Amino acid sequence: MRHFGIIGFPLIHSFSAKYFNEKFEREQIDAEYSLYPIQEESLKSKVESLLDTLDGMNVTMPYKQTIIPYLDRLDDTAKAVGAVNVIHKRVGYNTDCLGFMESIRPLLREGDKKALVLGTGGASKAVCYGLSKLGVSPSLVSRTPKEGMLGYEDLTEEVMKEYTVIVNCTPLGMAPEEDTYPPIPYEMLSARHLLFDCVYNPEVTLFLQKGQAQGAIIRNGMEMLYGQAKAAWKIWEG
């Protein structure tokens, strides 16, 4: 039997486990996919064993960047992004970028030239790389902005008119904390805006609800997850 799994913390629910175990059963593949919730202080002691024993691994928050020193090398996309969400034979890959690009590309309009990317973790790095490849210039937004980033207090009416694409790469709004949302000025949104949420549970987060109420186009992260999962399987299958 082949063994696959995902590391992260917390792993309250996992799209990947459900997706791959259903795939294995449906296609009669002799394999299993397990969850490995690892707290940060245990990462070093546990990840080496998993890298040696698993046939393939997914990586989610908060380890998409901190996993890199444990790997032998990165593929070109993971190297460019600076984050890893798929591992095979100690090589790191990033399929988040492909999944995101495939999901958002049909929604982009001619006037969508600039994007606000909320959050600064591994997912935001993949999103920024994907947006750039699609011809949309991204700017990071953080509660504690560093040089070259925007803070939420910088999101003036002028900025909101200029940046018509907004991507949430934070966990705000994810179950079980559905009552949370990024603190952007939602009253400044309009039908000119496109809101993309990397969160997929719940299906429509408060971030998306508030955007939709202002006439914005919305898309959650489910299609992105399917895209990255399919790409991960191709890597594991060689």
Protein backbone atom coordinates (compact mmCIF):
# COMPACT_ATOMS: atom_id res chain seq x y z
CA MET A 1 0.00 0.00 0.00
CA ARG A 2 1.19 3.52 -0.80
CA HIS A 3 0.97 6.18 1.88
CA PHE A 4 0.27 9.89 1.41
CA GLY A 5 -0.58 12.66 3.82
CA ILE A 6 -0.71 16.32 4.73
CA ILE A 7 1.13 18.25 7.44
CA GLY A 8 -0.04 21.50 9.00
CA PHE A 9 -1.59 22.85 12.16
CA PRO A 10 -4.39 22.84 12.96
CA LEU A 11 -5.93 20.27 10.61
CA ILE A 12 -9.53 20.54 11.78
CA HIS A 13 -10.79 19.53 8.37
CA SER A 14 -8.96 18.62 5.22
CA PHE A 15 -10.07 18.84 1.61
CA SER A 16 -7.03 16.81 0.55
CA ALA A 17 -7.78 13.80 2.77
CA LYS A 18 -11.38 13.55 1.54
CA TYR A 19 -10.39 14.16 -2.09
CA PHE A 20 -7.60 11.60 -2.25
CA ASN A 21 -9.22 8.84 -0.15
CA GLU A 22 -12.36 9.05 -2.30
CA LYS A 23 -10.17 8.96 -5.40
CA PHE A 24 -8.30 5.88 -4.14
CA GLU A 25 -11.56 4.06 -3.38
CA ARG A 26 -13.22 5.06 -6.66
CA GLU A 27 -10.23 4.11 -8.81
CA GLN A 28 -9.29 1.07 -6.71
CA ILE A 29 -5.83 2.43 -5.92
CA ASP A 30 -4.07 0.63 -3.09
CA ALA A 31 -3.23 3.73 -1.08
CA GLU A 32 -4.31 5.79 1.91
CA TYR A 33 -4.11 9.48 2.77
CA SER A 34 -3.70 10.59 6.39
CA LEU A 35 -3.65 13.81 8.41
CA TYR A 36 -0.51 14.77 10.34
CA PRO A 37 -1.28 17.78 12.57
CA ILE A 38 2.14 18.87 13.82
CA GLN A 39 2.75 21.71 16.24
CA GLU A 40 5.69 23.95 15.42
CA GLU A 41 7.92 22.75 18.27
CA SER A 42 7.56 19.16 16.98
CA LEU A 43 8.14 19.88 13.30
CA LYS A 44 11.84 19.05 13.20
CA SER A 45 11.51 15.76 15.04
CA LYS A 46 8.53 14.51 13.02
CA VAL A 47 8.99 15.81 9.48
CA GLU A 48 12.18 13.85 8.74
CA SER A 49 10.42 10.56 9.45
CA LEU A 50 7.44 11.50 7.28
CA LEU A 51 9.68 12.56 4.40
CA ASP A 52 11.30 9.12 4.50
CA THR A 53 8.11 7.07 4.82
CA LEU A 54 5.41 8.84 2.78
CA ASP A 55 5.11 8.36 -0.99
CA GLY A 56 3.87 11.93 -1.30
CA MET A 57 3.07 14.81 1.01
CA ASN A 58 0.98 17.97 0.99
CA VAL A 59 1.91 20.97 3.12
CA THR A 60 -0.53 23.56 4.43
CA MET A 61 -0.48 26.44 6.93
CA PRO A 62 1.77 27.35 8.61
CA TYR A 63 4.58 25.28 7.06
CA LYS A 64 4.64 26.15 3.36
CA GLN A 65 7.81 28.16 3.87
CA THR A 66 9.34 26.58 6.98
CA ILE A 67 9.39 23.14 5.30
CA ILE A 68 11.90 24.27 2.68
CA PRO A 69 15.14 23.70 4.68
CA TYR A 70 14.18 20.02 5.10
CA LEU A 71 14.06 19.41 1.32
CA ASP A 72 16.84 18.50 -1.12
CA ARG A 73 15.69 20.94 -3.78
CA LEU A 74 12.74 22.91 -5.19
CA ASP A 75 11.25 22.87 -8.67
CA ASP A 76 11.33 26.13 -10.63
CA THR A 77 7.84 27.29 -9.60
CA ALA A 78 8.35 26.57 -5.89
CA LYS A 79 11.69 28.34 -6.07
CA ALA A 80 10.13 31.40 -7.73
CA VAL A 81 7.18 31.45 -5.31
CA GLY A 82 9.22 30.72 -2.18
CA ALA A 83 6.64 28.30 -0.81
CA VAL A 84 5.91 24.56 -1.08
CA ASN A 85 2.60 22.70 -0.88
CA VAL A 86 3.59 19.37 -2.51
CA ILE A 87 6.57 17.12 -1.79
CA HIS A 88 7.78 14.06 -3.68
CA LYS A 89 11.07 12.32 -2.93
CA ARG A 90 12.30 15.31 -0.91
CA VAL A 91 11.67 17.70 -3.82
CA GLY A 92 9.34 20.62 -3.16
CA TYR A 93 6.71 21.80 -5.64
CA ASN A 94 4.05 24.50 -5.66
CA THR A 95 0.75 23.56 -7.29
CA ASP A 96 -1.23 26.26 -5.44
CA CYS A 97 -0.11 28.69 -8.11
CA LEU A 98 -1.47 26.58 -10.98
CA GLY A 99 -4.75 25.89 -9.18
CA PHE A 100 -5.24 29.59 -8.44
CA MET A 101 -4.44 30.69 -12.00
CA GLU A 102 -6.85 28.18 -13.53
CA SER A 103 -9.63 29.30 -11.18
CA ILE A 104 -9.30 33.09 -11.46
CA ARG A 105 -8.29 33.41 -15.14
CA PRO A 106 -11.86 33.14 -16.57
CA LEU A 107 -13.07 35.89 -14.21
CA LEU A 108 -10.46 38.52 -15.07
CA ARG A 109 -11.60 41.45 -17.19
CA GLU A 110 -9.63 43.81 -19.38
CA GLY A 111 -9.53 46.50 -16.70
CA ASP A 112 -8.18 44.19 -13.98
CA LYS A 113 -4.56 45.32 -13.83
CA LYS A 114 -3.89 45.57 -10.07
CA ALA A 115 -4.70 43.30 -7.14
CA LEU A 116 -4.68 43.55 -3.36
CA VAL A 117 -3.45 40.32 -1.80
CA LEU A 118 -4.54 40.06 1.85
CA GLY A 119 -2.01 38.19 3.99
CA THR A 120 1.69 37.44 3.69
CA GLY A 121 1.98 33.66 4.20
CA GLY A 122 2.80 30.88 1.76
CA ALA A 123 -0.54 31.07 -0.04
CA SER A 124 -0.08 34.78 -0.73
CA LYS A 125 3.28 34.08 -2.36
CA ALA A 126 1.71 31.60 -4.78
CA VAL A 127 -1.15 34.01 -5.50
CA CYS A 128 1.22 36.92 -6.18
CA TYR A 129 3.28 34.80 -8.54
CA GLY A 130 0.15 33.61 -10.36
CA LEU A 131 -1.30 37.10 -10.69
CA SER A 132 1.96 38.38 -12.13
CA LYS A 133 1.94 35.56 -14.69
CA LEU A 134 -1.60 36.63 -15.65
CA GLY A 135 -0.56 40.25 -16.15
CA VAL A 136 -2.06 41.57 -12.90
CA SER A 137 0.26 43.51 -10.57
CA PRO A 138 -0.17 42.40 -6.91
CA SER A 139 0.34 44.40 -3.72
CA LEU A 140 0.45 42.71 -0.33
CA VAL A 141 -1.75 43.96 2.50
CA SER A 142 -0.89 43.15 6.11
CA ARG A 143 -1.97 44.11 9.63
CA THR A 144 1.73 44.73 10.30
CA PRO A 145 3.07 45.91 6.93
CA LYS A 146 6.76 45.83 6.12
CA GLU A 147 8.45 47.98 3.52
CA GLY A 148 6.71 47.68 0.16
CA MET A 149 3.42 46.45 1.69
CA LEU A 150 0.15 48.20 2.42
CA GLY A 151 -1.62 48.29 5.75
CA TYR A 152 -5.40 48.01 6.00
CA GLU A 153 -5.48 51.68 6.99
CA ASP A 154 -3.92 52.50 3.60
CA LEU A 155 -6.94 51.23 1.69
CA THR A 156 -8.37 54.61 0.74
CA GLU A 157 -11.12 55.23 -1.80
CA GLU A 158 -8.46 56.01 -4.40
CA VAL A 159 -6.65 52.73 -3.73
CA MET A 160 -9.86 50.71 -3.84
CA LYS A 161 -10.79 52.17 -7.22
CA GLU A 162 -7.34 51.40 -8.61
CA TYR A 163 -7.15 47.81 -7.32
CA THR A 164 -10.13 45.94 -8.78
CA VAL A 165 -9.02 42.42 -7.77
CA ILE A 166 -8.87 41.45 -4.08
CA VAL A 167 -7.64 38.03 -2.95
CA ASN A 168 -7.97 36.82 0.64
CA CYS A 169 -5.01 34.62 1.59
CA THR A 170 -5.64 34.84 5.34
CA PRO A 171 -7.56 32.18 7.33
CA LEU A 172 -10.14 34.79 8.36
CA GLY A 173 -13.63 33.45 7.79
CA MET A 174 -12.61 29.79 7.75
CA ALA A 175 -14.67 27.34 9.80
CA PRO A 176 -15.06 27.23 12.73
CA GLU A 177 -14.47 31.02 12.84
CA GLU A 178 -17.01 31.94 10.17
CA ASP A 179 -17.81 35.25 11.83
CA THR A 180 -14.39 36.74 11.01
CA TYR A 181 -13.36 38.62 7.86
CA PRO A 182 -10.52 40.83 6.60
CA PRO A 183 -10.99 44.50 7.62
CA ILE A 184 -11.16 46.11 4.17
CA PRO A 185 -13.56 49.01 3.42
CA TYR A 186 -16.36 46.93 1.88
CA GLU A 187 -18.53 50.00 1.34
CA MET A 188 -16.04 51.09 -1.35
CA LEU A 189 -16.54 47.94 -3.42
CA SER A 190 -18.60 47.92 -6.60
CA ALA A 191 -19.44 45.79 -9.63
CA ARG A 192 -15.96 46.66 -10.91
CA HIS A 193 -14.38 44.47 -8.24
CA LEU A 194 -13.54 40.77 -8.20
CA LEU A 195 -13.16 39.08 -4.80
CA PHE A 196 -11.39 35.72 -4.58
CA ASP A 197 -11.19 33.84 -1.27
CA CYS A 198 -8.66 31.04 -0.85
CA VAL A 199 -10.90 29.78 1.97
CA TYR A 200 -13.43 27.15 0.80
CA ASN A 201 -15.23 26.26 4.05
CA PRO A 202 -17.76 27.80 4.38
CA GLU A 203 -18.61 28.02 0.70
CA VAL A 204 -19.43 31.72 0.95
CA THR A 205 -17.41 33.49 3.64
CA LEU A 206 -18.35 36.85 5.13
CA PHE A 207 -15.59 38.36 2.95
CA LEU A 208 -17.42 37.10 -0.14
CA GLN A 209 -20.89 37.92 1.22
CA LYS A 210 -19.91 41.53 1.87
CA GLY A 211 -18.38 41.83 -1.59
CA GLN A 212 -21.39 40.28 -3.30
CA ALA A 213 -23.68 42.71 -1.47
CA GLN A 214 -21.81 45.54 -3.20
CA GLY A 215 -22.17 43.91 -6.62
CA ALA A 216 -18.68 42.40 -6.84
CA ILE A 217 -17.91 39.13 -8.64
CA ILE A 218 -16.95 36.43 -6.12
CA ARG A 219 -15.16 33.06 -6.20
CA ASN A 220 -14.15 30.77 -3.34
CA GLY A 221 -11.09 28.51 -3.11
CA MET A 222 -12.70 25.14 -3.93
CA GLU A 223 -11.83 25.13 -7.64
CA MET A 224 -8.29 26.20 -6.75
CA LEU A 225 -8.02 23.20 -4.41
CA TYR A 226 -9.20 20.76 -7.06
CA GLY A 227 -6.67 22.18 -9.50
CA GLN A 228 -3.74 21.93 -7.11
CA ALA A 229 -4.75 18.42 -5.99
CA LYS A 230 -4.90 17.12 -9.57
CA ALA A 231 -1.48 18.62 -10.24
CA ALA A 232 -0.11 17.04 -7.04
CA TRP A 233 -1.25 13.58 -8.12
CA LYS A 234 0.51 14.00 -11.47
CA ILE A 235 3.73 14.78 -9.59
CA TRP A 236 3.37 11.76 -7.30
CA GLU A 237 2.65 9.53 -10.29
CA GLY A 238 5.81 10.79 -11.99
